[in-house]
Amino acid sequence: LEEKGLIISGTSPDDYLVEMVELENHPWFLGCQFHPEF
């Protein structure tokens, strides 16, 4: 997926769990595994 343009912008400190993803060549595409609204 990284080869297809996915950017892994956030991980657990040990780099094992993916916490945040983005997408190349997109104005704003961001997903997070956590709940920032809280």
PDB file of all heavy atoms in Angstrom:
ATOM      1  N   LEU A   1       0.816  -1.213   0.000  1.00  0.00           N
ATOM      2  CA  LEU A   1       0.000   0.000   0.000  1.00  0.00           C
ATOM      3  C   LEU A   1       0.852   1.266   0.000  1.00  0.00           C
ATOM      4  O   LEU A   1       0.475   2.275  -0.595  1.00  0.00           O
ATOM      5  CB  LEU A   1      -0.963  -0.012   1.200  1.00  0.00           C
ATOM      6  CG  LEU A   1      -2.118  -1.027   1.070  1.00  0.00           C
ATOM      7  CD1 LEU A   1      -2.891  -1.145   2.378  1.00  0.00           C
ATOM      8  CD2 LEU A   1      -3.068  -0.645  -0.066  1.00  0.00           C
ATOM      9  N   GLU A   2       2.019   1.188   0.634  1.00  0.00           N
ATOM     10  CA  GLU A   2       2.925   2.355   0.584  1.00  0.00           C
ATOM     11  C   GLU A   2       3.407   2.595  -0.847  1.00  0.00           C
ATOM     12  O   GLU A   2       3.551   3.740  -1.282  1.00  0.00           O
ATOM     13  CB  GLU A   2       4.101   2.147   1.540  1.00  0.00           C
ATOM     14  CG  GLU A   2       3.728   2.381   3.002  1.00  0.00           C
ATOM     15  CD  GLU A   2       4.907   2.270   3.961  1.00  0.00           C
ATOM     16  OE1 GLU A   2       5.621   1.253   3.918  1.00  0.00           O
ATOM     17  OE2 GLU A   2       5.118   3.216   4.735  1.00  0.00           O
ATOM     18  N   GLU A   3       3.639   1.519  -1.580  1.00  0.00           N
ATOM     19  CA  GLU A   3       4.032   1.656  -2.989  1.00  0.00           C
ATOM     20  C   GLU A   3       2.921   2.300  -3.816  1.00  0.00           C
ATOM     21  O   GLU A   3       3.179   2.961  -4.816  1.00  0.00           O
ATOM     22  CB  GLU A   3       4.369   0.278  -3.584  1.00  0.00           C
ATOM     23  CG  GLU A   3       5.700  -0.284  -3.122  1.00  0.00           C
ATOM     24  CD  GLU A   3       5.886  -1.740  -3.569  1.00  0.00           C
ATOM     25  OE1 GLU A   3       5.035  -2.241  -4.340  1.00  0.00           O
ATOM     26  OE2 GLU A   3       6.875  -2.357  -3.137  1.00  0.00           O
ATOM     27  N   LYS A   4       1.665   2.125  -3.378  1.00  0.00           N
ATOM     28  CA  LYS A   4       0.515   2.678  -4.099  1.00  0.00           C
ATOM     29  C   LYS A   4       0.146   4.088  -3.623  1.00  0.00           C
ATOM     30  O   LYS A   4      -0.899   4.619  -3.992  1.00  0.00           O
ATOM     31  CB  LYS A   4      -0.699   1.750  -3.944  1.00  0.00           C
ATOM     32  CG  LYS A   4      -0.476   0.348  -4.528  1.00  0.00           C
ATOM     33  CD  LYS A   4      -0.188   0.402  -6.021  1.00  0.00           C
ATOM     34  CE  LYS A   4       0.046  -0.978  -6.605  1.00  0.00           C
ATOM     35  NZ  LYS A   4       0.421  -0.917  -8.037  1.00  0.00           N
ATOM     36  N   GLY A   5       0.984   4.677  -2.787  1.00  0.00           N
ATOM     37  CA  GLY A   5       0.763   6.068  -2.394  1.00  0.00           C
ATOM     38  C   GLY A   5       0.292   6.281  -0.974  1.00  0.00           C
ATOM     39  O   GLY A   5       0.110   7.425  -0.542  1.00  0.00           O
ATOM     40  N   LEU A   6       0.075   5.201  -0.220  1.00  0.00           N
ATOM     41  CA  LEU A   6      -0.323   5.361   1.179  1.00  0.00           C
ATOM     42  C   LEU A   6       0.872   5.862   1.993  1.00  0.00           C
ATOM     43  O   LEU A   6       1.984   5.363   1.844  1.00  0.00           O
ATOM     44  CB  LEU A   6      -0.814   4.025   1.755  1.00  0.00           C
ATOM     45  CG  LEU A   6      -1.451   4.117   3.151  1.00  0.00           C
ATOM     46  CD1 LEU A   6      -2.855   4.695   3.065  1.00  0.00           C
ATOM     47  CD2 LEU A   6      -1.511   2.742   3.826  1.00  0.00           C
ATOM     48  N   ILE A   7       0.634   6.850   2.816  1.00  0.00           N
ATOM     49  CA  ILE A   7       1.676   7.367   3.711  1.00  0.00           C
ATOM     50  C   ILE A   7       1.301   6.967   5.134  1.00  0.00           C
ATOM     51  O   ILE A   7       0.200   7.267   5.599  1.00  0.00           O
ATOM     52  CB  ILE A   7       1.769   8.912   3.620  1.00  0.00           C
ATOM     53  CG1 ILE A   7       2.115   9.355   2.200  1.00  0.00           C
ATOM     54  CG2 ILE A   7       2.790   9.451   4.629  1.00  0.00           C
ATOM     55  CD1 ILE A   7       1.853  10.829   1.949  1.00  0.00           C
ATOM     56  N   ILE A   8       2.183   6.256   5.813  1.00  0.00           N
ATOM     57  CA  ILE A   8       1.938   5.910   7.215  1.00  0.00           C
ATOM     58  C   ILE A   8       2.587   7.007   8.062  1.00  0.00           C
ATOM     59  O   ILE A   8       3.799   7.056   8.229  1.00  0.00           O
ATOM     60  CB  ILE A   8       2.473   4.504   7.536  1.00  0.00           C
ATOM     61  CG1 ILE A   8       1.595   3.496   6.783  1.00  0.00           C
ATOM     62  CG2 ILE A   8       2.429   4.238   9.035  1.00  0.00           C
ATOM     63  CD1 ILE A   8       2.055   2.090   6.775  1.00  0.00           C
ATOM     64  N   SER A   9       1.730   7.926   8.531  1.00  0.00           N
ATOM     65  CA  SER A   9       2.254   9.129   9.190  1.00  0.00           C
ATOM     66  C   SER A   9       2.337   9.006  10.697  1.00  0.00           C
ATOM     67  O   SER A   9       2.932   9.839  11.369  1.00  0.00           O
ATOM     68  CB  SER A   9       1.409  10.345   8.813  1.00  0.00           C
ATOM     69  OG  SER A   9       0.036  10.101   9.060  1.00  0.00           O
ATOM     70  N   GLY A  10       1.727   7.943  11.253  1.00  0.00           N
ATOM     71  CA  GLY A  10       1.795   7.749  12.700  1.00  0.00           C
ATOM     72  C   GLY A  10       1.788   6.275  13.040  1.00  0.00           C
ATOM     73  O   GLY A  10       1.025   5.502  12.454  1.00  0.00           O
ATOM     74  N   THR A  11       2.664   5.877  13.961  1.00  0.00           N
ATOM     75  CA  THR A  11       2.731   4.473  14.396  1.00  0.00           C
ATOM     76  C   THR A  11       2.909   4.425  15.915  1.00  0.00           C
ATOM     77  O   THR A  11       3.184   5.436  16.548  1.00  0.00           O
ATOM     78  CB  THR A  11       3.922   3.728  13.763  1.00  0.00           C
ATOM     79  OG1 THR A  11       5.138   4.356  14.206  1.00  0.00           O
ATOM     80  CG2 THR A  11       3.861   3.736  12.242  1.00  0.00           C
ATOM     81  N   SER A  12       2.774   3.210  16.467  1.00  0.00           N
ATOM     82  CA  SER A  12       3.132   3.023  17.875  1.00  0.00           C
ATOM     83  C   SER A  12       4.642   3.259  17.993  1.00  0.00           C
ATOM     84  O   SER A  12       5.368   3.158  17.001  1.00  0.00           O
ATOM     85  CB  SER A  12       2.759   1.612  18.330  1.00  0.00           C
ATOM     86  OG  SER A  12       3.328   0.644  17.467  1.00  0.00           O
ATOM     87  N   PRO A  13       5.152   3.581  19.173  1.00  0.00           N
ATOM     88  CA  PRO A  13       6.579   3.897  19.312  1.00  0.00           C
ATOM     89  C   PRO A  13       7.513   2.815  18.783  1.00  0.00           C
ATOM     90  O   PRO A  13       8.610   3.110  18.317  1.00  0.00           O
ATOM     91  CB  PRO A  13       6.755   4.090  20.824  1.00  0.00           C
ATOM     92  CG  PRO A  13       5.410   4.533  21.306  1.00  0.00           C
ATOM     93  CD  PRO A  13       4.412   3.804  20.442  1.00  0.00           C
ATOM     94  N   ASP A  14       7.061   1.538  18.837  1.00  0.00           N
ATOM     95  CA  ASP A  14       7.914   0.453  18.332  1.00  0.00           C
ATOM     96  C   ASP A  14       7.726   0.223  16.829  1.00  0.00           C
ATOM     97  O   ASP A  14       8.265  -0.723  16.264  1.00  0.00           O
ATOM     98  CB  ASP A  14       7.636  -0.854  19.095  1.00  0.00           C
ATOM     99  CG  ASP A  14       6.181  -1.315  18.948  1.00  0.00           C
ATOM    100  OD1 ASP A  14       5.416  -0.669  18.197  1.00  0.00           O
ATOM    101  OD2 ASP A  14       5.809  -2.318  19.586  1.00  0.00           O
ATOM    102  N   ASP A  15       6.929   1.095  16.185  1.00  0.00           N
ATOM    103  CA  ASP A  15       6.705   1.054  14.738  1.00  0.00           C
ATOM    104  C   ASP A  15       5.857  -0.144  14.310  1.00  0.00           C
ATOM    105  O   ASP A  15       5.723  -0.425  13.124  1.00  0.00           O
ATOM    106  CB  ASP A  15       8.045   1.033  13.981  1.00  0.00           C
ATOM    107  CG  ASP A  15       7.941   1.761  12.649  1.00  0.00           C
ATOM    108  OD1 ASP A  15       7.184   2.746  12.598  1.00  0.00           O
ATOM    109  OD2 ASP A  15       8.580   1.335  11.673  1.00  0.00           O
ATOM    110  N   TYR A  16       5.259  -0.838  15.256  1.00  0.00           N
ATOM    111  CA  TYR A  16       4.530  -2.070  14.924  1.00  0.00           C
ATOM    112  C   TYR A  16       3.085  -1.792  14.491  1.00  0.00           C
ATOM    113  O   TYR A  16       2.603  -2.321  13.494  1.00  0.00           O
ATOM    114  CB  TYR A  16       4.559  -3.027  16.120  1.00  0.00           C
ATOM    115  CG  TYR A  16       3.781  -4.305  15.890  1.00  0.00           C
ATOM    116  CD1 TYR A  16       4.231  -5.245  14.955  1.00  0.00           C
ATOM    117  CD2 TYR A  16       2.604  -4.561  16.578  1.00  0.00           C
ATOM    118  CE1 TYR A  16       3.511  -6.413  14.728  1.00  0.00           C
ATOM    119  CE2 TYR A  16       1.891  -5.727  16.357  1.00  0.00           C
ATOM    120  CZ  TYR A  16       2.349  -6.649  15.429  1.00  0.00           C
ATOM    121  OH  TYR A  16       1.636  -7.800  15.201  1.00  0.00           O
ATOM    122  N   LEU A  17       2.370  -0.970  15.257  1.00  0.00           N
ATOM    123  CA  LEU A  17       0.966  -0.703  14.960  1.00  0.00           C
ATOM    124  C   LEU A  17       0.809   0.588  14.168  1.00  0.00           C
ATOM    125  O   LEU A  17       1.382   1.623  14.526  1.00  0.00           O
ATOM    126  CB  LEU A  17       0.160  -0.593  16.264  1.00  0.00           C
ATOM    127  CG  LEU A  17       0.117  -1.851  17.142  1.00  0.00           C
ATOM    128  CD1 LEU A  17      -0.501  -1.526  18.490  1.00  0.00           C
ATOM    129  CD2 LEU A  17      -0.668  -2.955  16.452  1.00  0.00           C
ATOM    130  N   VAL A  18       0.029   0.535  13.101  1.00  0.00           N
ATOM    131  CA  VAL A  18      -0.233   1.732  12.289  1.00  0.00           C
ATOM    132  C   VAL A  18      -1.315   2.556  12.978  1.00  0.00           C
ATOM    133  O   VAL A  18      -2.402   2.060  13.267  1.00  0.00           O
ATOM    134  CB  VAL A  18      -0.662   1.343  10.853  1.00  0.00           C
ATOM    135  CG1 VAL A  18      -1.128   2.573  10.086  1.00  0.00           C
ATOM    136  CG2 VAL A  18       0.492   0.662  10.138  1.00  0.00           C
ATOM    137  N   GLU A  19      -1.003   3.814  13.258  1.00  0.00           N
ATOM    138  CA  GLU A  19      -1.935   4.701  13.956  1.00  0.00           C
ATOM    139  C   GLU A  19      -2.566   5.747  13.035  1.00  0.00           C
ATOM    140  O   GLU A  19      -3.688   6.174  13.255  1.00  0.00           O
ATOM    141  CB  GLU A  19      -1.199   5.437  15.097  1.00  0.00           C
ATOM    142  CG  GLU A  19      -0.742   4.532  16.233  1.00  0.00           C
ATOM    143  CD  GLU A  19      -1.840   4.244  17.233  1.00  0.00           C
ATOM    144  OE1 GLU A  19      -3.002   4.546  16.942  1.00  0.00           O
ATOM    145  OE2 GLU A  19      -1.529   3.706  18.309  1.00  0.00           O
ATOM    146  N   MET A  20      -1.813   6.193  12.005  1.00  0.00           N
ATOM    147  CA  MET A  20      -2.335   7.246  11.120  1.00  0.00           C
ATOM    148  C   MET A  20      -1.904   6.973   9.683  1.00  0.00           C
ATOM    149  O   MET A  20      -0.773   6.537   9.440  1.00  0.00           O
ATOM    150  CB  MET A  20      -1.820   8.626  11.547  1.00  0.00           C
ATOM    151  CG  MET A  20      -2.174   9.000  12.971  1.00  0.00           C
ATOM    152  SD  MET A  20      -1.634  10.666  13.420  1.00  0.00           S
ATOM    153  CE  MET A  20      -2.918  11.658  12.666  1.00  0.00           C
ATOM    154  N   VAL A  21      -2.818   7.240   8.744  1.00  0.00           N
ATOM    155  CA  VAL A  21      -2.486   7.079   7.321  1.00  0.00           C
ATOM    156  C   VAL A  21      -2.880   8.334   6.551  1.00  0.00           C
ATOM    157  O   VAL A  21      -3.815   9.053   6.938  1.00  0.00           O
ATOM    158  CB  VAL A  21      -3.192   5.846   6.700  1.00  0.00           C
ATOM    159  CG1 VAL A  21      -2.778   4.559   7.397  1.00  0.00           C
ATOM    160  CG2 VAL A  21      -4.708   5.993   6.716  1.00  0.00           C
ATOM    161  N   GLU A  22      -2.151   8.571   5.451  1.00  0.00           N
ATOM    162  CA  GLU A  22      -2.452   9.681   4.543  1.00  0.00           C
ATOM    163  C   GLU A  22      -2.279   9.164   3.117  1.00  0.00           C
ATOM    164  O   GLU A  22      -1.961   7.987   2.907  1.00  0.00           O
ATOM    165  CB  GLU A  22      -1.525  10.873   4.837  1.00  0.00           C
ATOM    166  CG  GLU A  22      -1.697  11.416   6.251  1.00  0.00           C
ATOM    167  CD  GLU A  22      -0.699  12.514   6.620  1.00  0.00           C
ATOM    168  OE1 GLU A  22      -0.100  13.137   5.697  1.00  0.00           O
ATOM    169  OE2 GLU A  22      -0.511  12.747   7.834  1.00  0.00           O
ATOM    170  N   LEU A  23      -2.474  10.047   2.132  1.00  0.00           N
ATOM    171  CA  LEU A  23      -2.387   9.632   0.737  1.00  0.00           C
ATOM    172  C   LEU A  23      -1.613  10.664  -0.066  1.00  0.00           C
ATOM    173  O   LEU A  23      -1.868  11.869   0.044  1.00  0.00           O
ATOM    174  CB  LEU A  23      -3.799   9.465   0.151  1.00  0.00           C
ATOM    175  CG  LEU A  23      -3.916   8.878  -1.253  1.00  0.00           C
ATOM    176  CD1 LEU A  23      -3.352   7.455  -1.303  1.00  0.00           C
ATOM    177  CD2 LEU A  23      -5.374   8.885  -1.710  1.00  0.00           C
ATOM    178  N   GLU A  24      -0.672  10.173  -0.865  1.00  0.00           N
ATOM    179  CA  GLU A  24       0.105  11.073  -1.731  1.00  0.00           C
ATOM    180  C   GLU A  24      -0.815  11.751  -2.745  1.00  0.00           C
ATOM    181  O   GLU A  24      -1.838  11.198  -3.150  1.00  0.00           O
ATOM    182  CB  GLU A  24       1.179  10.271  -2.492  1.00  0.00           C
ATOM    183  CG  GLU A  24       2.338   9.817  -1.624  1.00  0.00           C
ATOM    184  CD  GLU A  24       3.327   8.965  -2.401  1.00  0.00           C
ATOM    185  OE1 GLU A  24       3.098   8.729  -3.615  1.00  0.00           O
ATOM    186  OE2 GLU A  24       4.310   8.505  -1.795  1.00  0.00           O
ATOM    187  N   ASN A  25      -0.423  12.944  -3.156  1.00  0.00           N
ATOM    188  CA  ASN A  25      -1.121  13.683  -4.228  1.00  0.00           C
ATOM    189  C   ASN A  25      -2.610  13.877  -3.946  1.00  0.00           C
ATOM    190  O   ASN A  25      -3.459  13.748  -4.823  1.00  0.00           O
ATOM    191  CB  ASN A  25      -0.944  12.957  -5.575  1.00  0.00           C
ATOM    192  CG  ASN A  25       0.522  12.760  -5.918  1.00  0.00           C
ATOM    193  OD1 ASN A  25       1.339  13.660  -5.718  1.00  0.00           O
ATOM    194  ND2 ASN A  25       0.866  11.574  -6.397  1.00  0.00           N
ATOM    195  N   HIS A  26      -2.906  14.143  -2.692  1.00  0.00           N
ATOM    196  CA  HIS A  26      -4.284  14.448  -2.302  1.00  0.00           C
ATOM    197  C   HIS A  26      -4.233  15.647  -1.366  1.00  0.00           C
ATOM    198  O   HIS A  26      -3.366  15.719  -0.491  1.00  0.00           O
ATOM    199  CB  HIS A  26      -4.906  13.237  -1.589  1.00  0.00           C
ATOM    200  CG  HIS A  26      -6.398  13.344  -1.410  1.00  0.00           C
ATOM    201  ND1 HIS A  26      -6.988  14.213  -0.529  1.00  0.00           N
ATOM    202  CD2 HIS A  26      -7.427  12.677  -2.025  1.00  0.00           C
ATOM    203  CE1 HIS A  26      -8.320  14.084  -0.598  1.00  0.00           C
ATOM    204  NE2 HIS A  26      -8.604  13.148  -1.503  1.00  0.00           N
ATOM    205  N   PRO A  27      -5.153  16.624  -1.538  1.00  0.00           N
ATOM    206  CA  PRO A  27      -5.059  17.843  -0.707  1.00  0.00           C
ATOM    207  C   PRO A  27      -5.154  17.576   0.802  1.00  0.00           C
ATOM    208  O   PRO A  27      -4.461  18.200   1.590  1.00  0.00           O
ATOM    209  CB  PRO A  27      -6.236  18.701  -1.193  1.00  0.00           C
ATOM    210  CG  PRO A  27      -7.128  17.782  -1.956  1.00  0.00           C
ATOM    211  CD  PRO A  27      -6.248  16.703  -2.510  1.00  0.00           C
ATOM    212  N   TRP A  28      -6.045  16.666   1.215  1.00  0.00           N
ATOM    213  CA  TRP A  28      -6.157  16.351   2.652  1.00  0.00           C
ATOM    214  C   TRP A  28      -6.907  15.034   2.803  1.00  0.00           C
ATOM    215  O   TRP A  28      -8.127  14.963   2.671  1.00  0.00           O
ATOM    216  CB  TRP A  28      -6.900  17.457   3.408  1.00  0.00           C
ATOM    217  CG  TRP A  28      -6.503  17.562   4.862  1.00  0.00           C
ATOM    218  CD1 TRP A  28      -5.588  18.405   5.403  1.00  0.00           C
ATOM    219  CD2 TRP A  28      -7.027  16.784   5.960  1.00  0.00           C
ATOM    220  NE1 TRP A  28      -5.490  18.215   6.766  1.00  0.00           N
ATOM    221  CE2 TRP A  28      -6.367  17.226   7.133  1.00  0.00           C
ATOM    222  CE3 TRP A  28      -7.967  15.774   6.074  1.00  0.00           C
ATOM    223  CZ2 TRP A  28      -6.631  16.687   8.387  1.00  0.00           C
ATOM    224  CZ3 TRP A  28      -8.227  15.221   7.327  1.00  0.00           C
ATOM    225  CH2 TRP A  28      -7.566  15.688   8.473  1.00  0.00           C
ATOM    226  N   PHE A  29      -6.163  13.981   3.085  1.00  0.00           N
ATOM    227  CA  PHE A  29      -6.716  12.640   3.223  1.00  0.00           C
ATOM    228  C   PHE A  29      -6.017  12.043   4.430  1.00  0.00           C
ATOM    229  O   PHE A  29      -4.838  11.723   4.370  1.00  0.00           O
ATOM    230  CB  PHE A  29      -6.391  11.845   1.940  1.00  0.00           C
ATOM    231  CG  PHE A  29      -6.962  10.451   1.866  1.00  0.00           C
ATOM    232  CD1 PHE A  29      -8.151  10.201   1.191  1.00  0.00           C
ATOM    233  CD2 PHE A  29      -6.286   9.366   2.426  1.00  0.00           C
ATOM    234  CE1 PHE A  29      -8.664   8.907   1.083  1.00  0.00           C
ATOM    235  CE2 PHE A  29      -6.790   8.066   2.319  1.00  0.00           C
ATOM    236  CZ  PHE A  29      -7.978   7.843   1.645  1.00  0.00           C
ATOM    237  N   LEU A  30      -6.726  11.964   5.561  1.00  0.00           N
ATOM    238  CA  LEU A  30      -6.062  11.531   6.797  1.00  0.00           C
ATOM    239  C   LEU A  30      -6.989  10.620   7.589  1.00  0.00           C
ATOM    240  O   LEU A  30      -8.153  10.938   7.819  1.00  0.00           O
ATOM    241  CB  LEU A  30      -5.662  12.749   7.638  1.00  0.00           C
ATOM    242  CG  LEU A  30      -4.809  12.466   8.883  1.00  0.00           C
ATOM    243  CD1 LEU A  30      -3.853  13.617   9.155  1.00  0.00           C
ATOM    244  CD2 LEU A  30      -5.676  12.221  10.125  1.00  0.00           C
ATOM    245  N   GLY A  31      -6.461   9.481   7.983  1.00  0.00           N
ATOM    246  CA  GLY A  31      -7.194   8.561   8.841  1.00  0.00           C
ATOM    247  C   GLY A  31      -6.388   8.281  10.090  1.00  0.00           C
ATOM    248  O   GLY A  31      -5.167   8.187  10.045  1.00  0.00           O
ATOM    249  N   CYS A  32      -7.087   8.165  11.219  1.00  0.00           N
ATOM    250  CA  CYS A  32      -6.388   7.832  12.460  1.00  0.00           C
ATOM    251  C   CYS A  32      -7.132   6.704  13.169  1.00  0.00           C
ATOM    252  O   CYS A  32      -8.369   6.659  13.160  1.00  0.00           O
ATOM    253  CB  CYS A  32      -6.239   9.049  13.373  1.00  0.00           C
ATOM    254  SG  CYS A  32      -7.760   9.934  13.712  1.00  0.00           S
ATOM    255  N   GLN A  33      -6.379   5.794  13.760  1.00  0.00           N
ATOM    256  CA  GLN A  33      -6.963   4.636  14.425  1.00  0.00           C
ATOM    257  C   GLN A  33      -7.552   5.016  15.784  1.00  0.00           C
ATOM    258  O   GLN A  33      -8.362   4.303  16.349  1.00  0.00           O
ATOM    259  CB  GLN A  33      -5.892   3.547  14.587  1.00  0.00           C
ATOM    260  CG  GLN A  33      -6.404   2.218  15.072  1.00  0.00           C
ATOM    261  CD  GLN A  33      -7.503   1.634  14.190  1.00  0.00           C
ATOM    262  OE1 GLN A  33      -7.243   1.101  13.132  1.00  0.00           O
ATOM    263  NE2 GLN A  33      -8.755   1.748  14.630  1.00  0.00           N
ATOM    264  N   PHE A  34      -7.171   6.175  16.282  1.00  0.00           N
ATOM    265  CA  PHE A  34      -7.645   6.640  17.598  1.00  0.00           C
ATOM    266  C   PHE A  34      -8.822   7.610  17.438  1.00  0.00           C
ATOM    267  O   PHE A  34      -9.279   7.887  16.330  1.00  0.00           O
ATOM    268  CB  PHE A  34      -6.501   7.291  18.373  1.00  0.00           C
ATOM    269  CG  PHE A  34      -5.702   8.286  17.569  1.00  0.00           C
ATOM    270  CD1 PHE A  34      -6.168   9.565  17.340  1.00  0.00           C
ATOM    271  CD2 PHE A  34      -4.462   7.921  17.030  1.00  0.00           C
ATOM    272  CE1 PHE A  34      -5.428  10.480  16.605  1.00  0.00           C
ATOM    273  CE2 PHE A  34      -3.712   8.833  16.283  1.00  0.00           C
ATOM    274  CZ  PHE A  34      -4.201  10.114  16.078  1.00  0.00           C
ATOM    275  N   HIS A  35      -9.299   8.128  18.564  1.00  0.00           N
ATOM    276  CA  HIS A  35     -10.442   9.048  18.591  1.00  0.00           C
ATOM    277  C   HIS A  35     -10.004  10.426  19.099  1.00  0.00           C
ATOM    278  O   HIS A  35     -10.122  10.713  20.297  1.00  0.00           O
ATOM    279  CB  HIS A  35     -11.542   8.497  19.515  1.00  0.00           C
ATOM    280  CG  HIS A  35     -12.257   7.315  18.959  1.00  0.00           C
ATOM    281  ND1 HIS A  35     -13.403   7.426  18.207  1.00  0.00           N
ATOM    282  CD2 HIS A  35     -11.990   5.990  19.032  1.00  0.00           C
ATOM    283  CE1 HIS A  35     -13.816   6.216  17.848  1.00  0.00           C
ATOM    284  NE2 HIS A  35     -12.971   5.325  18.330  1.00  0.00           N
ATOM    285  N   PRO A  36      -9.552  11.303  18.208  1.00  0.00           N
ATOM    286  CA  PRO A  36      -9.082  12.614  18.663  1.00  0.00           C
ATOM    287  C   PRO A  36     -10.194  13.483  19.234  1.00  0.00           C
ATOM    288  O   PRO A  36      -9.936  14.401  20.010  1.00  0.00           O
ATOM    289  CB  PRO A  36      -8.504  13.238  17.379  1.00  0.00           C
ATOM    290  CG  PRO A  36      -9.212  12.552  16.261  1.00  0.00           C
ATOM    291  CD  PRO A  36      -9.454  11.152  16.744  1.00  0.00           C
ATOM    292  N   GLU A  37     -11.444  13.179  18.869  1.00  0.00           N
ATOM    293  CA  GLU A  37     -12.568  14.022  19.318  1.00  0.00           C
ATOM    294  C   GLU A  37     -12.714  14.047  20.832  1.00  0.00           C
ATOM    295  O   GLU A  37     -13.270  14.997  21.391  1.00  0.00           O
ATOM    296  CB  GLU A  37     -13.880  13.559  18.672  1.00  0.00           C
ATOM    297  CG  GLU A  37     -14.418  12.218  19.123  1.00  0.00           C
ATOM    298  CD  GLU A  37     -13.921  11.032  18.310  1.00  0.00           C
ATOM    299  OE1 GLU A  37     -12.847  11.141  17.670  1.00  0.00           O
ATOM    300  OE2 GLU A  37     -14.593   9.982  18.312  1.00  0.00           O
ATOM    301  N   PHE A  38     -12.192  13.011  21.522  1.00  0.00           N
ATOM    302  CA  PHE A  38     -12.343  12.964  22.978  1.00  0.00           C
ATOM    303  C   PHE A  38     -11.432  13.972  23.692  1.00  0.00           C
ATOM    304  O   PHE A  38     -11.584  14.191  24.890  1.00  0.00           O
ATOM    305  CB  PHE A  38     -12.063  11.550  23.503  1.00  0.00           C
ATOM    306  CG  PHE A  38     -13.067  10.524  23.049  1.00  0.00           C
ATOM    307  CD1 PHE A  38     -12.674   9.219  22.778  1.00  0.00           C
ATOM    308  CD2 PHE A  38     -14.404  10.855  22.895  1.00  0.00           C
ATOM    309  CE1 PHE A  38     -13.599   8.262  22.358  1.00  0.00           C
ATOM    310  CE2 PHE A  38     -15.341   9.910  22.478  1.00  0.00           C
ATOM    311  CZ  PHE A  38     -14.931   8.612  22.206  1.00  0.00           C
TER     312      PHE A  38
END
